[in-house]
Amino acid sequence: MTQVLLGENEGIDSALRRFKRQVSNAGILADVRYHRHFETPIEKRKRKAVAARRKRTFK
């Protein structure tokens, strides 16, 4: 669970930036995209290209 506590005299912009960075580092958005039911054709192509690249390097 990602949580950001506001410091004294801290603006909402900097807190939002920290929150976005924490979400990105935790991999939450990638996990949501992975478990999403519908996958767009572009996402499917990208996923297959990454998988092929990994398969090639681990041989």
PDB file of N, CA and C in Angstrom:
ATOM      1  N   MET A   1       0.847  -1.174   0.000  1.00  0.00           N
ATOM      2  CA  MET A   1       0.000   0.000   0.000  1.00  0.00           C
ATOM      3  C   MET A   1       0.891   1.235   0.000  1.00  0.00           C
ATOM      4  N   THR A   2       0.760   2.044  -1.003  1.00  0.00           N
ATOM      5  CA  THR A   2       1.555   3.257  -1.122  1.00  0.00           C
ATOM      6  C   THR A   2       0.884   4.377  -0.342  1.00  0.00           C
ATOM      7  N   GLN A   3       1.693   5.067   0.438  1.00  0.00           N
ATOM      8  CA  GLN A   3       1.165   6.119   1.291  1.00  0.00           C
ATOM      9  C   GLN A   3       2.145   7.282   1.312  1.00  0.00           C
ATOM     10  N   VAL A   4       1.620   8.494   1.237  1.00  0.00           N
ATOM     11  CA  VAL A   4       2.445   9.700   1.288  1.00  0.00           C
ATOM     12  C   VAL A   4       1.880  10.600   2.373  1.00  0.00           C
ATOM     13  N   LEU A   5       2.723  10.941   3.329  1.00  0.00           N
ATOM     14  CA  LEU A   5       2.319  11.853   4.391  1.00  0.00           C
ATOM     15  C   LEU A   5       2.842  13.242   4.058  1.00  0.00           C
ATOM     16  N   LEU A   6       1.977  14.235   4.185  1.00  0.00           N
ATOM     17  CA  LEU A   6       2.374  15.610   3.897  1.00  0.00           C
ATOM     18  C   LEU A   6       3.212  16.169   5.032  1.00  0.00           C
ATOM     19  N   GLY A   7       4.313  16.793   4.680  1.00  0.00           N
ATOM     20  CA  GLY A   7       5.134  17.451   5.667  1.00  0.00           C
ATOM     21  C   GLY A   7       4.620  18.856   5.912  1.00  0.00           C
ATOM     22  N   GLU A   8       5.183  19.502   6.915  1.00  0.00           N
ATOM     23  CA  GLU A   8       4.787  20.882   7.199  1.00  0.00           C
ATOM     24  C   GLU A   8       5.226  21.779   6.060  1.00  0.00           C
ATOM     25  N   ASN A   9       4.355  22.667   5.635  1.00  0.00           N
ATOM     26  CA  ASN A   9       4.617  23.621   4.545  1.00  0.00           C
ATOM     27  C   ASN A   9       4.961  22.937   3.227  1.00  0.00           C
ATOM     28  N   GLU A  10       4.506  21.706   3.034  1.00  0.00           N
ATOM     29  CA  GLU A  10       4.762  21.002   1.772  1.00  0.00           C
ATOM     30  C   GLU A  10       3.560  21.204   0.850  1.00  0.00           C
ATOM     31  N   GLY A  11       3.838  21.528  -0.380  1.00  0.00           N
ATOM     32  CA  GLY A  11       2.759  21.746  -1.340  1.00  0.00           C
ATOM     33  C   GLY A  11       2.179  20.441  -1.845  1.00  0.00           C
ATOM     34  N   ILE A  12       0.979  20.524  -2.345  1.00  0.00           N
ATOM     35  CA  ILE A  12       0.301  19.328  -2.863  1.00  0.00           C
ATOM     36  C   ILE A  12       1.002  18.815  -4.113  1.00  0.00           C
ATOM     37  N   ASP A  13       1.627  19.704  -4.873  1.00  0.00           N
ATOM     38  CA  ASP A  13       2.324  19.291  -6.091  1.00  0.00           C
ATOM     39  C   ASP A  13       3.503  18.372  -5.783  1.00  0.00           C
ATOM     40  N   SER A  14       4.297  18.736  -4.791  1.00  0.00           N
ATOM     41  CA  SER A  14       5.449  17.897  -4.452  1.00  0.00           C
ATOM     42  C   SER A  14       5.002  16.571  -3.841  1.00  0.00           C
ATOM     43  N   ALA A  15       3.917  16.588  -3.071  1.00  0.00           N
ATOM     44  CA  ALA A  15       3.408  15.350  -2.490  1.00  0.00           C
ATOM     45  C   ALA A  15       2.867  14.437  -3.586  1.00  0.00           C
ATOM     46  N   LEU A  16       2.191  15.005  -4.562  1.00  0.00           N
ATOM     47  CA  LEU A  16       1.676  14.220  -5.676  1.00  0.00           C
ATOM     48  C   LEU A  16       2.826  13.626  -6.486  1.00  0.00           C
ATOM     49  N   ARG A  17       3.866  14.400  -6.672  1.00  0.00           N
ATOM     50  CA  ARG A  17       5.052  13.912  -7.390  1.00  0.00           C
ATOM     51  C   ARG A  17       5.685  12.740  -6.644  1.00  0.00           C
ATOM     52  N   ARG A  18       5.802  12.865  -5.316  1.00  0.00           N
ATOM     53  CA  ARG A  18       6.351  11.754  -4.520  1.00  0.00           C
ATOM     54  C   ARG A  18       5.469  10.515  -4.603  1.00  0.00           C
ATOM     55  N   PHE A  19       4.136  10.734  -4.568  1.00  0.00           N
ATOM     56  CA  PHE A  19       3.207   9.612  -4.660  1.00  0.00           C
ATOM     57  C   PHE A  19       3.354   8.886  -5.994  1.00  0.00           C
ATOM     58  N   LYS A  20       3.421   9.640  -7.078  1.00  0.00           N
ATOM     59  CA  LYS A  20       3.569   9.037  -8.395  1.00  0.00           C
ATOM     60  C   LYS A  20       4.871   8.252  -8.496  1.00  0.00           C
ATOM     61  N   ARG A  21       5.937   8.786  -7.913  1.00  0.00           N
ATOM     62  CA  ARG A  21       7.224   8.094  -7.936  1.00  0.00           C
ATOM     63  C   ARG A  21       7.158   6.788  -7.147  1.00  0.00           C
ATOM     64  N   GLN A  22       6.492   6.812  -6.000  1.00  0.00           N
ATOM     65  CA  GLN A  22       6.354   5.600  -5.183  1.00  0.00           C
ATOM     66  C   GLN A  22       5.512   4.555  -5.897  1.00  0.00           C
ATOM     67  N   VAL A  23       4.443   4.975  -6.545  1.00  0.00           N
ATOM     68  CA  VAL A  23       3.596   4.040  -7.296  1.00  0.00           C
ATOM     69  C   VAL A  23       4.391   3.417  -8.436  1.00  0.00           C
ATOM     70  N   SER A  24       5.181   4.239  -9.111  1.00  0.00           N
ATOM     71  CA  SER A  24       5.991   3.733 -10.213  1.00  0.00           C
ATOM     72  C   SER A  24       7.037   2.735  -9.724  1.00  0.00           C
ATOM     73  N   ASN A  25       7.711   3.058  -8.638  1.00  0.00           N
ATOM     74  CA  ASN A  25       8.740   2.169  -8.104  1.00  0.00           C
ATOM     75  C   ASN A  25       8.157   0.868  -7.568  1.00  0.00           C
ATOM     76  N   ALA A  26       6.950   0.921  -7.046  1.00  0.00           N
ATOM     77  CA  ALA A  26       6.316  -0.277  -6.506  1.00  0.00           C
ATOM     78  C   ALA A  26       5.794  -1.187  -7.610  1.00  0.00           C
ATOM     79  N   GLY A  27       5.657  -0.672  -8.827  1.00  0.00           N
ATOM     80  CA  GLY A  27       5.180  -1.478  -9.939  1.00  0.00           C
ATOM     81  C   GLY A  27       3.682  -1.709  -9.927  1.00  0.00           C
ATOM     82  N   ILE A  28       2.956  -0.825  -9.297  1.00  0.00           N
ATOM     83  CA  ILE A  28       1.515  -0.996  -9.171  1.00  0.00           C
ATOM     84  C   ILE A  28       0.825  -0.851 -10.530  1.00  0.00           C
ATOM     85  N   LEU A  29       1.197   0.158 -11.312  1.00  0.00           N
ATOM     86  CA  LEU A  29       0.549   0.365 -12.600  1.00  0.00           C
ATOM     87  C   LEU A  29       0.863  -0.771 -13.566  1.00  0.00           C
ATOM     88  N   ALA A  30       2.091  -1.259 -13.541  1.00  0.00           N
ATOM     89  CA  ALA A  30       2.444  -2.389 -14.410  1.00  0.00           C
ATOM     90  C   ALA A  30       1.633  -3.616 -14.044  1.00  0.00           C
ATOM     91  N   ASP A  31       1.419  -3.829 -12.762  1.00  0.00           N
ATOM     92  CA  ASP A  31       0.623  -4.960 -12.308  1.00  0.00           C
ATOM     93  C   ASP A  31      -0.832  -4.818 -12.732  1.00  0.00           C
ATOM     94  N   VAL A  32      -1.371  -3.616 -12.652  1.00  0.00           N
ATOM     95  CA  VAL A  32      -2.751  -3.377 -13.070  1.00  0.00           C
ATOM     96  C   VAL A  32      -2.894  -3.632 -14.569  1.00  0.00           C
ATOM     97  N   ARG A  33      -1.934  -3.156 -15.349  1.00  0.00           N
ATOM     98  CA  ARG A  33      -1.995  -3.384 -16.793  1.00  0.00           C
ATOM     99  C   ARG A  33      -1.901  -4.871 -17.109  1.00  0.00           C
ATOM    100  N   TYR A  34      -1.085  -5.591 -16.368  1.00  0.00           N
ATOM    101  CA  TYR A  34      -0.903  -7.026 -16.600  1.00  0.00           C
ATOM    102  C   TYR A  34      -2.187  -7.796 -16.307  1.00  0.00           C
ATOM    103  N   HIS A  35      -2.912  -7.403 -15.279  1.00  0.00           N
ATOM    104  CA  HIS A  35      -4.117  -8.113 -14.889  1.00  0.00           C
ATOM    105  C   HIS A  35      -5.390  -7.569 -15.538  1.00  0.00           C
ATOM    106  N   ARG A  36      -5.258  -6.569 -16.376  1.00  0.00           N
ATOM    107  CA  ARG A  36      -6.417  -6.006 -17.044  1.00  0.00           C
ATOM    108  C   ARG A  36      -6.957  -7.011 -18.056  1.00  0.00           C
ATOM    109  N   HIS A  37      -8.247  -7.051 -18.218  1.00  0.00           N
ATOM    110  CA  HIS A  37      -8.866  -8.062 -19.086  1.00  0.00           C
ATOM    111  C   HIS A  37      -8.523  -7.831 -20.552  1.00  0.00           C
ATOM    112  N   PHE A  38      -8.751  -6.624 -21.047  1.00  0.00           N
ATOM    113  CA  PHE A  38      -8.523  -6.341 -22.462  1.00  0.00           C
ATOM    114  C   PHE A  38      -7.128  -5.780 -22.665  1.00  0.00           C
ATOM    115  N   GLU A  39      -6.448  -6.268 -23.689  1.00  0.00           N
ATOM    116  CA  GLU A  39      -5.116  -5.791 -24.019  1.00  0.00           C
ATOM    117  C   GLU A  39      -5.167  -5.225 -25.441  1.00  0.00           C
ATOM    118  N   THR A  40      -4.744  -3.990 -25.595  1.00  0.00           N
ATOM    119  CA  THR A  40      -4.778  -3.373 -26.915  1.00  0.00           C
ATOM    120  C   THR A  40      -3.732  -4.031 -27.812  1.00  0.00           C
ATOM    121  N   PRO A  41      -3.901  -3.956 -29.121  1.00  0.00           N
ATOM    122  CA  PRO A  41      -2.931  -4.575 -30.027  1.00  0.00           C
ATOM    123  C   PRO A  41      -1.506  -4.041 -29.849  1.00  0.00           C
ATOM    124  N   ILE A  42      -1.387  -2.751 -29.549  1.00  0.00           N
ATOM    125  CA  ILE A  42      -0.052  -2.179 -29.345  1.00  0.00           C
ATOM    126  C   ILE A  42       0.588  -2.783 -28.096  1.00  0.00           C
ATOM    127  N   GLU A  43      -0.189  -2.910 -27.019  1.00  0.00           N
ATOM    128  CA  GLU A  43       0.340  -3.507 -25.793  1.00  0.00           C
ATOM    129  C   GLU A  43       0.735  -4.956 -26.018  1.00  0.00           C
ATOM    130  N   LYS A  44      -0.061  -5.669 -26.800  1.00  0.00           N
ATOM    131  CA  LYS A  44       0.235  -7.072 -27.087  1.00  0.00           C
ATOM    132  C   LYS A  44       1.546  -7.194 -27.859  1.00  0.00           C
ATOM    133  N   ARG A  45       1.737  -6.327 -28.874  1.00  0.00           N
ATOM    134  CA  ARG A  45       2.979  -6.349 -29.650  1.00  0.00           C
ATOM    135  C   ARG A  45       4.181  -6.044 -28.770  1.00  0.00           C
ATOM    136  N   LYS A  46       4.041  -5.028 -27.902  1.00  0.00           N
ATOM    137  CA  LYS A  46       5.148  -4.671 -27.012  1.00  0.00           C
ATOM    138  C   LYS A  46       5.494  -5.811 -26.074  1.00  0.00           C
ATOM    139  N   ARG A  47       4.461  -6.455 -25.509  1.00  0.00           N
ATOM    140  CA  ARG A  47       4.691  -7.547 -24.568  1.00  0.00           C
ATOM    141  C   ARG A  47       5.383  -8.714 -25.264  1.00  0.00           C
ATOM    142  N   LYS A  48       4.950  -9.029 -26.485  1.00  0.00           N
ATOM    143  CA  LYS A  48       5.563 -10.124 -27.219  1.00  0.00           C
ATOM    144  C   LYS A  48       7.005  -9.797 -27.610  1.00  0.00           C
ATOM    145  N   ALA A  49       7.268  -8.540 -27.963  1.00  0.00           N
ATOM    146  CA  ALA A  49       8.630  -8.138 -28.321  1.00  0.00           C
ATOM    147  C   ALA A  49       9.559  -8.244 -27.121  1.00  0.00           C
ATOM    148  N   VAL A  50       9.080  -7.820 -25.958  1.00  0.00           N
ATOM    149  CA  VAL A  50       9.898  -7.912 -24.744  1.00  0.00           C
ATOM    150  C   VAL A  50      10.158  -9.378 -24.397  1.00  0.00           C
ATOM    151  N   ALA A  51       9.130 -10.214 -24.523  1.00  0.00           N
ATOM    152  CA  ALA A  51       9.291 -11.634 -24.220  1.00  0.00           C
ATOM    153  C   ALA A  51      10.287 -12.279 -25.187  1.00  0.00           C
ATOM    154  N   ALA A  52      10.214 -11.923 -26.455  1.00  0.00           N
ATOM    155  CA  ALA A  52      11.148 -12.472 -27.438  1.00  0.00           C
ATOM    156  C   ALA A  52      12.572 -12.019 -27.137  1.00  0.00           C
ATOM    157  N   ARG A  53      12.718 -10.757 -26.745  1.00  0.00           N
ATOM    158  CA  ARG A  53      14.036 -10.236 -26.401  1.00  0.00           C
ATOM    159  C   ARG A  53      14.618 -10.992 -25.204  1.00  0.00           C
ATOM    160  N   ARG A  54      13.782 -11.227 -24.198  1.00  0.00           N
ATOM    161  CA  ARG A  54      14.244 -11.973 -23.020  1.00  0.00           C
ATOM    162  C   ARG A  54      14.623 -13.399 -23.397  1.00  0.00           C
ATOM    163  N   LYS A  55      13.806 -14.010 -24.220  1.00  0.00           N
ATOM    164  CA  LYS A  55      14.057 -15.398 -24.626  1.00  0.00           C
ATOM    165  C   LYS A  55      15.379 -15.501 -25.381  1.00  0.00           C
ATOM    166  N   ARG A  56      15.647 -14.518 -26.240  1.00  0.00           N
ATOM    167  CA  ARG A  56      16.882 -14.500 -27.000  1.00  0.00           C
ATOM    168  C   ARG A  56      18.110 -14.357 -26.108  1.00  0.00           C
ATOM    169  N   THR A  57      18.024 -13.507 -25.093  1.00  0.00           N
ATOM    170  CA  THR A  57      19.194 -13.256 -24.251  1.00  0.00           C
ATOM    171  C   THR A  57      19.462 -14.382 -23.275  1.00  0.00           C
ATOM    172  N   PHE A  58      18.438 -15.155 -22.883  1.00  0.00           N
ATOM    173  CA  PHE A  58      18.635 -16.210 -21.895  1.00  0.00           C
ATOM    174  C   PHE A  58      18.963 -17.559 -22.503  1.00  0.00           C
ATOM    175  N   LYS A  59      19.062 -17.645 -23.818  1.00  0.00           N
ATOM    176  CA  LYS A  59      19.416 -18.914 -24.459  1.00  0.00           C
ATOM    177  C   LYS A  59      20.849 -19.245 -24.269  1.00  0.00           C
TER     178      LYS A  59
END
